[in-house]
Amino acid sequence: TSRALSLQSIHKFLLYGQINDESPRVAQAVANIAHCVLHCRFARQTKPDDEVIFMKIMEIFLELLRCRAGHLLTDDVVCAMVEECFTIRNEPANSMNLIKYAENILTQMTVLIFARLIPDDRNLAGSAYAAALPGGTIHPSSSKSVPQ
Protein backbone atom coordinates (compact mmCIF):
# COMPACT_ATOMS: atom_id res chain seq x y z
CA THR A 1 0.00 0.00 0.00
CA SER A 2 1.06 3.60 -0.39
CA ARG A 3 1.17 4.14 3.38
CA ALA A 4 3.52 1.22 3.86
CA LEU A 5 5.77 2.54 1.08
CA SER A 6 5.75 6.04 2.59
CA LEU A 7 6.69 4.67 6.00
CA GLN A 8 9.38 2.51 4.41
CA SER A 9 10.86 5.61 2.75
CA ILE A 10 11.03 7.46 6.06
CA HIS A 11 12.67 4.42 7.63
CA LYS A 12 15.31 4.32 4.85
CA PHE A 13 16.13 8.02 5.33
CA LEU A 14 16.87 7.32 8.98
CA LEU A 15 18.56 3.97 8.40
CA TYR A 16 21.02 5.30 5.83
CA GLY A 17 21.93 8.38 7.86
CA GLN A 18 20.29 10.97 5.63
CA ILE A 19 18.96 12.58 8.78
CA ASN A 20 21.74 12.93 11.34
CA ASP A 21 22.95 15.29 14.02
CA GLU A 22 24.69 17.46 11.40
CA SER A 23 21.59 17.99 9.25
CA PRO A 24 20.03 21.47 9.22
CA ARG A 25 17.15 21.84 11.71
CA VAL A 26 17.61 18.20 12.69
CA ALA A 27 15.88 18.54 16.08
CA GLN A 28 12.76 19.80 14.34
CA ALA A 29 13.06 17.07 11.69
CA VAL A 30 13.19 14.16 14.14
CA ALA A 31 10.41 15.72 16.22
CA ASN A 32 8.23 16.10 13.11
CA ILE A 33 8.93 12.53 11.98
CA ALA A 34 8.03 11.18 15.41
CA HIS A 35 4.89 13.33 15.58
CA CYS A 36 3.69 12.31 12.12
CA VAL A 37 4.31 8.62 12.68
CA LEU A 38 2.74 8.72 16.15
CA HIS A 39 -0.40 10.30 14.67
CA CYS A 40 -0.44 8.16 11.53
CA ARG A 41 -4.02 7.03 11.00
CA PHE A 42 -5.20 4.77 8.27
CA ALA A 43 -8.37 3.08 7.16
CA ARG A 44 -8.17 -0.52 8.24
CA GLN A 45 -8.07 -2.83 5.26
CA THR A 46 -6.95 -6.40 5.56
CA LYS A 47 -5.32 -7.67 8.72
CA PRO A 48 -1.99 -8.58 7.04
CA ASP A 49 -1.75 -5.13 5.40
CA ASP A 50 -2.55 -3.39 8.67
CA GLU A 51 0.06 -5.42 10.49
CA VAL A 52 2.72 -4.50 7.93
CA ILE A 53 1.95 -0.82 8.61
CA PHE A 54 2.24 -1.40 12.37
CA MET A 55 5.61 -3.09 11.80
CA LYS A 56 6.83 -0.17 9.69
CA ILE A 57 5.72 2.29 12.39
CA MET A 58 7.64 0.40 15.05
CA GLU A 59 10.72 0.16 12.78
CA ILE A 60 10.70 3.95 12.44
CA PHE A 61 10.42 4.39 16.21
CA LEU A 62 13.39 2.11 16.73
CA GLU A 63 15.45 3.82 14.05
CA LEU A 64 14.61 7.25 15.46
CA LEU A 65 16.17 6.15 18.73
CA ARG A 66 19.09 4.42 17.02
CA CYS A 67 20.05 7.16 14.54
CA ARG A 68 22.75 9.76 15.23
CA ALA A 69 20.09 12.41 15.88
CA GLY A 70 18.11 10.21 18.27
CA HIS A 71 19.49 11.99 21.31
CA LEU A 72 17.53 15.08 20.21
CA LEU A 73 14.16 13.44 20.83
CA THR A 74 12.41 14.72 23.93
CA ASP A 75 11.54 12.40 26.80
CA ASP A 76 7.84 12.92 26.04
CA VAL A 77 8.29 11.79 22.44
CA VAL A 78 10.33 8.73 23.46
CA CYS A 79 7.67 7.86 26.03
CA ALA A 80 4.90 8.23 23.42
CA MET A 81 6.77 5.94 21.01
CA VAL A 82 7.19 3.27 23.69
CA GLU A 83 3.52 3.60 24.67
CA GLU A 84 2.45 3.16 21.04
CA CYS A 85 4.50 -0.03 20.79
CA PHE A 86 2.87 -1.31 23.99
CA THR A 87 -0.55 -0.47 22.53
CA ILE A 88 0.24 -2.48 19.40
CA ARG A 89 1.61 -5.33 21.51
CA ASN A 90 -1.46 -5.45 23.76
CA GLU A 91 -4.10 -5.33 21.01
CA PRO A 92 -5.85 -8.71 21.30
CA ALA A 93 -6.86 -8.74 17.63
CA ASN A 94 -3.24 -8.69 16.46
CA SER A 95 -1.52 -11.88 15.35
CA MET A 96 1.03 -13.62 17.50
CA ASN A 97 3.70 -12.67 14.94
CA LEU A 98 2.95 -8.96 15.35
CA ILE A 99 2.81 -9.30 19.14
CA LYS A 100 6.23 -11.00 19.19
CA TYR A 101 7.58 -8.40 16.76
CA ALA A 102 6.36 -5.60 19.06
CA GLU A 103 7.98 -7.30 22.04
CA ASN A 104 11.26 -7.50 20.14
CA ILE A 105 11.07 -3.81 19.19
CA LEU A 106 10.27 -2.88 22.81
CA THR A 107 13.27 -4.86 24.00
CA GLN A 108 15.56 -3.11 21.53
CA MET A 109 14.11 0.30 22.43
CA THR A 110 14.65 -0.38 26.13
CA VAL A 111 18.27 -1.36 25.55
CA LEU A 112 18.87 1.82 23.52
CA ILE A 113 17.19 4.07 26.07
CA PHE A 114 19.07 2.64 29.03
CA ALA A 115 22.37 2.52 27.14
CA ARG A 116 22.20 6.30 26.91
CA LEU A 117 21.91 6.52 30.69
CA ILE A 118 25.26 4.78 31.20
CA PRO A 119 27.92 7.43 31.57
CA ASP A 120 30.59 7.58 28.91
CA ASP A 121 34.08 7.56 30.47
CA ARG A 122 35.21 10.32 28.11
CA ASN A 123 32.48 12.65 29.37
CA LEU A 124 32.74 11.93 33.08
CA ALA A 125 35.23 14.58 34.18
CA GLY A 126 33.30 17.31 35.94
CA SER A 127 29.96 15.53 35.62
CA ALA A 128 27.52 15.05 38.47
CA TYR A 129 28.19 11.30 38.20
CA ALA A 130 31.93 11.78 38.70
CA ALA A 131 31.38 14.22 41.56
CA ALA A 132 29.21 11.65 43.33
CA LEU A 133 31.95 9.01 43.23
CA PRO A 134 34.10 8.52 46.31
CA GLY A 135 37.43 10.22 45.89
CA GLY A 136 36.56 12.60 43.11
CA THR A 137 36.67 12.17 39.37
CA ILE A 138 37.15 9.45 36.81
CA HIS A 139 40.30 9.56 34.74
CA PRO A 140 39.26 9.69 31.04
CA SER A 141 41.49 6.77 30.03
CA SER A 142 40.27 4.36 32.69
CA SER A 143 37.27 3.57 34.78
CA LYS A 144 39.19 3.89 38.05
CA SER A 145 38.57 6.70 40.44
CA VAL A 146 41.39 9.24 40.67
CA PRO A 147 41.71 11.17 43.95
CA GLN A 148 41.67 14.96 43.69
C-alpha atoms as a PDB file:
ATOM      1  CA  THR A   1       0.000   0.000   0.000  1.00  0.00           C
ATOM      2  CA  SER A   2       1.058   3.605  -0.393  1.00  0.00           C
ATOM      3  CA  ARG A   3       1.168   4.143   3.382  1.00  0.00           C
ATOM      4  CA  ALA A   4       3.520   1.220   3.864  1.00  0.00           C
ATOM      5  CA  LEU A   5       5.769   2.539   1.083  1.00  0.00           C
ATOM      6  CA  SER A   6       5.754   6.036   2.586  1.00  0.00           C
ATOM      7  CA  LEU A   7       6.689   4.669   6.000  1.00  0.00           C
ATOM      8  CA  GLN A   8       9.378   2.510   4.414  1.00  0.00           C
ATOM      9  CA  SER A   9      10.859   5.615   2.749  1.00  0.00           C
ATOM     10  CA  ILE A  10      11.026   7.462   6.062  1.00  0.00           C
ATOM     11  CA  HIS A  11      12.671   4.418   7.626  1.00  0.00           C
ATOM     12  CA  LYS A  12      15.306   4.319   4.850  1.00  0.00           C
ATOM     13  CA  PHE A  13      16.130   8.024   5.325  1.00  0.00           C
ATOM     14  CA  LEU A  14      16.868   7.317   8.981  1.00  0.00           C
ATOM     15  CA  LEU A  15      18.565   3.967   8.403  1.00  0.00           C
ATOM     16  CA  TYR A  16      21.021   5.301   5.827  1.00  0.00           C
ATOM     17  CA  GLY A  17      21.928   8.379   7.856  1.00  0.00           C
ATOM     18  CA  GLN A  18      20.294  10.974   5.631  1.00  0.00           C
ATOM     19  CA  ILE A  19      18.962  12.584   8.779  1.00  0.00           C
ATOM     20  CA  ASN A  20      21.736  12.929  11.336  1.00  0.00           C
ATOM     21  CA  ASP A  21      22.948  15.292  14.017  1.00  0.00           C
ATOM     22  CA  GLU A  22      24.693  17.461  11.402  1.00  0.00           C
ATOM     23  CA  SER A  23      21.590  17.993   9.247  1.00  0.00           C
ATOM     24  CA  PRO A  24      20.031  21.472   9.222  1.00  0.00           C
ATOM     25  CA  ARG A  25      17.147  21.842  11.709  1.00  0.00           C
ATOM     26  CA  VAL A  26      17.606  18.195  12.686  1.00  0.00           C
ATOM     27  CA  ALA A  27      15.883  18.542  16.079  1.00  0.00           C
ATOM     28  CA  GLN A  28      12.763  19.800  14.338  1.00  0.00           C
ATOM     29  CA  ALA A  29      13.057  17.074  11.689  1.00  0.00           C
ATOM     30  CA  VAL A  30      13.190  14.163  14.143  1.00  0.00           C
ATOM     31  CA  ALA A  31      10.412  15.723  16.223  1.00  0.00           C
ATOM     32  CA  ASN A  32       8.235  16.097  13.110  1.00  0.00           C
ATOM     33  CA  ILE A  33       8.926  12.530  11.980  1.00  0.00           C
ATOM     34  CA  ALA A  34       8.027  11.180  15.406  1.00  0.00           C
ATOM     35  CA  HIS A  35       4.887  13.332  15.577  1.00  0.00           C
ATOM     36  CA  CYS A  36       3.689  12.314  12.118  1.00  0.00           C
ATOM     37  CA  VAL A  37       4.307   8.618  12.677  1.00  0.00           C
ATOM     38  CA  LEU A  38       2.735   8.721  16.148  1.00  0.00           C
ATOM     39  CA  HIS A  39      -0.397  10.295  14.673  1.00  0.00           C
ATOM     40  CA  CYS A  40      -0.445   8.164  11.532  1.00  0.00           C
ATOM     41  CA  ARG A  41      -4.022   7.027  11.002  1.00  0.00           C
ATOM     42  CA  PHE A  42      -5.195   4.772   8.265  1.00  0.00           C
ATOM     43  CA  ALA A  43      -8.374   3.082   7.161  1.00  0.00           C
ATOM     44  CA  ARG A  44      -8.169  -0.524   8.239  1.00  0.00           C
ATOM     45  CA  GLN A  45      -8.074  -2.825   5.262  1.00  0.00           C
ATOM     46  CA  THR A  46      -6.952  -6.402   5.564  1.00  0.00           C
ATOM     47  CA  LYS A  47      -5.319  -7.666   8.721  1.00  0.00           C
ATOM     48  CA  PRO A  48      -1.986  -8.579   7.043  1.00  0.00           C
ATOM     49  CA  ASP A  49      -1.746  -5.135   5.395  1.00  0.00           C
ATOM     50  CA  ASP A  50      -2.548  -3.393   8.668  1.00  0.00           C
ATOM     51  CA  GLU A  51       0.061  -5.425  10.494  1.00  0.00           C
ATOM     52  CA  VAL A  52       2.718  -4.497   7.930  1.00  0.00           C
ATOM     53  CA  ILE A  53       1.955  -0.825   8.613  1.00  0.00           C
ATOM     54  CA  PHE A  54       2.243  -1.396  12.370  1.00  0.00           C
ATOM     55  CA  MET A  55       5.613  -3.090  11.803  1.00  0.00           C
ATOM     56  CA  LYS A  56       6.827  -0.167   9.689  1.00  0.00           C
ATOM     57  CA  ILE A  57       5.725   2.291  12.386  1.00  0.00           C
ATOM     58  CA  MET A  58       7.645   0.401  15.047  1.00  0.00           C
ATOM     59  CA  GLU A  59      10.720   0.161  12.783  1.00  0.00           C
ATOM     60  CA  ILE A  60      10.702   3.948  12.444  1.00  0.00           C
ATOM     61  CA  PHE A  61      10.424   4.391  16.213  1.00  0.00           C
ATOM     62  CA  LEU A  62      13.393   2.107  16.730  1.00  0.00           C
ATOM     63  CA  GLU A  63      15.455   3.816  14.045  1.00  0.00           C
ATOM     64  CA  LEU A  64      14.614   7.250  15.456  1.00  0.00           C
ATOM     65  CA  LEU A  65      16.174   6.145  18.733  1.00  0.00           C
ATOM     66  CA  ARG A  66      19.093   4.421  17.019  1.00  0.00           C
ATOM     67  CA  CYS A  67      20.051   7.163  14.538  1.00  0.00           C
ATOM     68  CA  ARG A  68      22.751   9.756  15.226  1.00  0.00           C
ATOM     69  CA  ALA A  69      20.090  12.407  15.878  1.00  0.00           C
ATOM     70  CA  GLY A  70      18.105  10.210  18.266  1.00  0.00           C
ATOM     71  CA  HIS A  71      19.487  11.988  21.307  1.00  0.00           C
ATOM     72  CA  LEU A  72      17.533  15.080  20.209  1.00  0.00           C
ATOM     73  CA  LEU A  73      14.155  13.437  20.834  1.00  0.00           C
ATOM     74  CA  THR A  74      12.406  14.717  23.928  1.00  0.00           C
ATOM     75  CA  ASP A  75      11.537  12.397  26.797  1.00  0.00           C
ATOM     76  CA  ASP A  76       7.836  12.917  26.042  1.00  0.00           C
ATOM     77  CA  VAL A  77       8.288  11.787  22.440  1.00  0.00           C
ATOM     78  CA  VAL A  78      10.326   8.733  23.464  1.00  0.00           C
ATOM     79  CA  CYS A  79       7.667   7.856  26.030  1.00  0.00           C
ATOM     80  CA  ALA A  80       4.896   8.226  23.422  1.00  0.00           C
ATOM     81  CA  MET A  81       6.768   5.939  21.007  1.00  0.00           C
ATOM     82  CA  VAL A  82       7.187   3.268  23.689  1.00  0.00           C
ATOM     83  CA  GLU A  83       3.516   3.595  24.667  1.00  0.00           C
ATOM     84  CA  GLU A  84       2.447   3.160  21.042  1.00  0.00           C
ATOM     85  CA  CYS A  85       4.498  -0.035  20.788  1.00  0.00           C
ATOM     86  CA  PHE A  86       2.869  -1.310  23.986  1.00  0.00           C
ATOM     87  CA  THR A  87      -0.546  -0.474  22.529  1.00  0.00           C
ATOM     88  CA  ILE A  88       0.238  -2.484  19.398  1.00  0.00           C
ATOM     89  CA  ARG A  89       1.607  -5.334  21.508  1.00  0.00           C
ATOM     90  CA  ASN A  90      -1.459  -5.446  23.762  1.00  0.00           C
ATOM     91  CA  GLU A  91      -4.096  -5.332  21.009  1.00  0.00           C
ATOM     92  CA  PRO A  92      -5.850  -8.711  21.300  1.00  0.00           C
ATOM     93  CA  ALA A  93      -6.864  -8.736  17.631  1.00  0.00           C
ATOM     94  CA  ASN A  94      -3.240  -8.687  16.456  1.00  0.00           C
ATOM     95  CA  SER A  95      -1.525 -11.876  15.347  1.00  0.00           C
ATOM     96  CA  MET A  96       1.031 -13.620  17.505  1.00  0.00           C
ATOM     97  CA  ASN A  97       3.700 -12.672  14.942  1.00  0.00           C
ATOM     98  CA  LEU A  98       2.947  -8.958  15.354  1.00  0.00           C
ATOM     99  CA  ILE A  99       2.808  -9.299  19.141  1.00  0.00           C
ATOM    100  CA  LYS A 100       6.226 -10.998  19.187  1.00  0.00           C
ATOM    101  CA  TYR A 101       7.579  -8.399  16.765  1.00  0.00           C
ATOM    102  CA  ALA A 102       6.356  -5.600  19.057  1.00  0.00           C
ATOM    103  CA  GLU A 103       7.977  -7.304  22.045  1.00  0.00           C
ATOM    104  CA  ASN A 104      11.259  -7.505  20.145  1.00  0.00           C
ATOM    105  CA  ILE A 105      11.068  -3.811  19.192  1.00  0.00           C
ATOM    106  CA  LEU A 106      10.266  -2.880  22.808  1.00  0.00           C
ATOM    107  CA  THR A 107      13.274  -4.864  24.005  1.00  0.00           C
ATOM    108  CA  GLN A 108      15.561  -3.107  21.534  1.00  0.00           C
ATOM    109  CA  MET A 109      14.115   0.299  22.435  1.00  0.00           C
ATOM    110  CA  THR A 110      14.649  -0.381  26.131  1.00  0.00           C
ATOM    111  CA  VAL A 111      18.269  -1.358  25.551  1.00  0.00           C
ATOM    112  CA  LEU A 112      18.872   1.816  23.515  1.00  0.00           C
ATOM    113  CA  ILE A 113      17.187   4.069  26.068  1.00  0.00           C
ATOM    114  CA  PHE A 114      19.070   2.645  29.031  1.00  0.00           C
ATOM    115  CA  ALA A 115      22.374   2.520  27.144  1.00  0.00           C
ATOM    116  CA  ARG A 116      22.204   6.297  26.911  1.00  0.00           C
ATOM    117  CA  LEU A 117      21.915   6.520  30.686  1.00  0.00           C
ATOM    118  CA  ILE A 118      25.256   4.781  31.197  1.00  0.00           C
ATOM    119  CA  PRO A 119      27.922   7.430  31.571  1.00  0.00           C
ATOM    120  CA  ASP A 120      30.586   7.578  28.911  1.00  0.00           C
ATOM    121  CA  ASP A 121      34.077   7.557  30.470  1.00  0.00           C
ATOM    122  CA  ARG A 122      35.210  10.319  28.109  1.00  0.00           C
ATOM    123  CA  ASN A 123      32.479  12.655  29.366  1.00  0.00           C
ATOM    124  CA  LEU A 124      32.735  11.935  33.081  1.00  0.00           C
ATOM    125  CA  ALA A 125      35.230  14.583  34.177  1.00  0.00           C
ATOM    126  CA  GLY A 126      33.295  17.310  35.937  1.00  0.00           C
ATOM    127  CA  SER A 127      29.962  15.531  35.623  1.00  0.00           C
ATOM    128  CA  ALA A 128      27.517  15.052  38.470  1.00  0.00           C
ATOM    129  CA  TYR A 129      28.190  11.303  38.195  1.00  0.00           C
ATOM    130  CA  ALA A 130      31.928  11.780  38.697  1.00  0.00           C
ATOM    131  CA  ALA A 131      31.385  14.224  41.559  1.00  0.00           C
ATOM    132  CA  ALA A 132      29.213  11.650  43.334  1.00  0.00           C
ATOM    133  CA  LEU A 133      31.954   9.013  43.225  1.00  0.00           C
ATOM    134  CA  PRO A 134      34.099   8.520  46.306  1.00  0.00           C
ATOM    135  CA  GLY A 135      37.434  10.224  45.888  1.00  0.00           C
ATOM    136  CA  GLY A 136      36.557  12.605  43.105  1.00  0.00           C
ATOM    137  CA  THR A 137      36.668  12.172  39.368  1.00  0.00           C
ATOM    138  CA  ILE A 138      37.154   9.455  36.813  1.00  0.00           C
ATOM    139  CA  HIS A 139      40.299   9.558  34.743  1.00  0.00           C
ATOM    140  CA  PRO A 140      39.262   9.690  31.041  1.00  0.00           C
ATOM    141  CA  SER A 141      41.493   6.771  30.030  1.00  0.00           C
ATOM    142  CA  SER A 142      40.273   4.361  32.687  1.00  0.00           C
ATOM    143  CA  SER A 143      37.268   3.566  34.782  1.00  0.00           C
ATOM    144  CA  LYS A 144      39.190   3.887  38.048  1.00  0.00           C
ATOM    145  CA  SER A 145      38.569   6.705  40.445  1.00  0.00           C
ATOM    146  CA  VAL A 146      41.394   9.242  40.668  1.00  0.00           C
ATOM    147  CA  PRO A 147      41.713  11.171  43.952  1.00  0.00           C
ATOM    148  CA  GLN A 148      41.669  14.959  43.692  1.00  0.00           C
END
